[in-house]
Protein backbone atom coordinates (compact mmCIF):
# COMPACT_ATOMS: atom_id res chain seq x y z
CA MET A 1 125.82 110.74 136.91
CA LYS A 2 124.47 109.33 140.14
CA SER A 3 125.57 107.13 143.00
CA PHE A 4 123.88 104.38 144.97
CA ARG A 5 124.87 102.65 148.21
CA CYS A 6 123.37 99.20 148.61
CA GLY A 7 123.34 99.67 152.38
CA ASP A 8 120.59 102.26 151.91
CA VAL A 9 118.33 99.38 150.81
CA VAL A 10 120.03 96.33 152.37
CA PRO A 11 121.30 97.26 155.85
CA GLY A 12 124.91 96.29 156.46
CA CYS A 13 125.95 96.06 152.80
CA THR A 14 128.91 98.25 151.88
CA ALA A 15 128.69 97.99 148.07
CA ALA A 16 128.44 101.27 146.17
CA PHE A 17 127.89 102.07 142.50
CA THR A 18 128.10 105.10 140.24
CA GLY A 19 126.89 105.82 136.72
CA THR A 20 123.66 106.60 134.95
CA GLU A 21 120.43 105.28 136.45
CA ASP A 22 120.40 102.41 133.95
CA GLU A 23 124.05 101.56 134.64
CA ILE A 24 123.45 101.55 138.38
CA LEU A 25 120.36 99.35 138.02
CA ALA A 26 122.36 96.83 135.96
CA GLN A 27 125.27 96.87 138.44
CA ALA A 28 122.90 96.55 141.39
CA ALA A 29 121.07 93.61 139.77
CA ARG A 30 124.36 91.74 139.23
CA HIS A 31 125.42 92.54 142.79
CA ALA A 32 122.06 91.42 144.22
CA ALA A 33 122.34 88.08 142.44
CA ARG A 34 126.00 87.49 143.30
CA ASP A 35 126.16 88.82 146.85
CA HIS A 36 122.60 88.65 148.16
CA GLY A 37 121.32 85.53 146.35
CA MET A 38 118.45 87.36 144.68
CA THR A 39 117.37 85.46 141.57
CA SER A 40 115.08 88.27 140.40
CA VAL A 41 114.65 91.94 141.13
CA SER A 42 111.10 93.01 141.90
CA PRO A 43 109.61 96.27 140.61
CA GLU A 44 109.44 97.39 144.24
CA MET A 45 113.18 96.84 144.66
CA VAL A 46 113.85 98.84 141.49
CA LEU A 47 111.81 101.70 142.97
CA GLN A 48 113.77 101.48 146.22
CA VAL A 49 117.09 101.57 144.36
CA ARG A 50 115.98 104.50 142.18
CA GLY A 51 114.79 106.35 145.28
CA ALA A 52 118.12 105.84 147.04
CA MET A 53 120.21 107.16 144.13
CA THR A 54 121.82 110.55 144.68
CA PRO A 55 123.37 112.96 142.17
CA LEU A 56 127.15 113.07 142.08
CA THR A 57 128.57 116.49 142.81
CA ALA A 58 131.66 117.81 141.11
């Protein structure tokens, strides 16, 4: 399990997601469309999101 904070890629955004990498990417894509008006997610953005994910600690 990992976590991702949108604000690490889009300054000022407070959205956060947890799950597997694939789950986070899907959640982030829906969030980007709904809250940031992004109609598509570029490969570069996917790399940024993956790079900003951190492991959850127990």
